[in-house]
Amino acid sequence: MRVATYYNNRDIRVEERPRPEIGRGEILVRVEACGICGSDVMEWYRIHKAPLILGHEAAGVVEETGPGVQGFKKGDRVALAHHLPCGKCHYCLSGHETVCETLRKTSFDPGGFCEFLRLSELHVRQGVFLLPDPVSFEMGTFVEPLACVARGQRIAGTAPGKCVLVIGSGIAGLLHVHLAHVRGARPVIATDINAYRLDAAKRFGADACVDAKELTPDAVRRINGGRLADVVVVSTGAPAAIQQAIQAVERGGTVLFFAPVSGREPTAFPFNQLFWRSEITLTSSYAATPAEYREALAMIAGGKVDLVGMITHRFPLAGTQEGFRLVEEGRESIKVIIQPYV
């Protein structure tokens, strides 16, 4: 089968690899679509693991089922979860499934940017979701990122009437903007340094858009009736965004760190301002649980979210390199999808 092998962001090669063989309780999926995530192009995070086959926002068709598989058959259309918790450890039982050791060790074999992938017995039990007929494979690639966003917003306490500020309007930021809007947060404020992305944020539910260079506490107060934001989502790896978030959050509010920071310099926090007198919560979110995947799929299938317009580019497997370039540059692209059989 063909795979797109990652060596670095500027060197992704279409190569041949044996098709995975499945065992008891496992299934083989023919990949029909796989989105390129912003984390896929974080070279500082990926390069030491190369060469490897990336891609975790995948949807496809069940090609083969192993002995003992129940609930799935050849031809089923499915969306997939790549990381899965054990459900039994201390972390899982305390509601922190996404820091479970099992979750950190599970993934696709080999990855979503290929023609076929093998799913383990654990994946089959917890991480394969039948796509309803109205849900396309392209929409199936949004199940994973939307599930992650839903988890983040639950942790941050997004709710109707709260002001939500999203710093960084890449694909993850736009999903945060859209979901916050759908869930009744008001006003929803989006920032970015890219005018194209700010225009997209307006289309997907932002009540106000601010150039990140001009994001100040006073700017937020002008938009939010004199108050700062109740929830601030940091959806960019720019270190400066951390300080902006701290300055923009209201007393009693929450800052959600949704994206990792690429810099290695330590970040200083104004301790008294944040914790002694202001009761500000700093928290983070990583990945999603099977329940959140199901929640995301239900929102997509039920028409509660409108994501089709986020797709700006589609490429065959041979175009994976170009797709990575577009996502890394982040100029005039939002969601880039690889379709191995186009």
Foldseek 3Di string as FASTA:
>chain_A
DWFFWPQALQDTDTDDDDADDDEALKWKWFWFKFWDDLVNRLRLVCNVVPGAGETFLTKGFTCDHYHPQPDHDGGFTKAWGFFAFPCPDPCNVVPNRCVHPRRVVGGWVGYNLGGMIMDDNRRSVQIIGGAPPVQDRVNSSCLFLLLQLVVLCVVQVQAAAFEEEEEDQFQSSLSNLLVSQLRHYPQYEYEEQAPLSQVVSVVRHHPYYDYPVPQALVVQCVRVVRFAGQEYEYPDQDPVVVVSQLRRHGQLHEYEDEDHHPDPDDDDDPCCSAPVPRNYYYYYTDTHHSVSSVVSSCCVVVVSGDCPVLADEEEESRCVSVVSVCSVVVHNHHIYMYGPPD
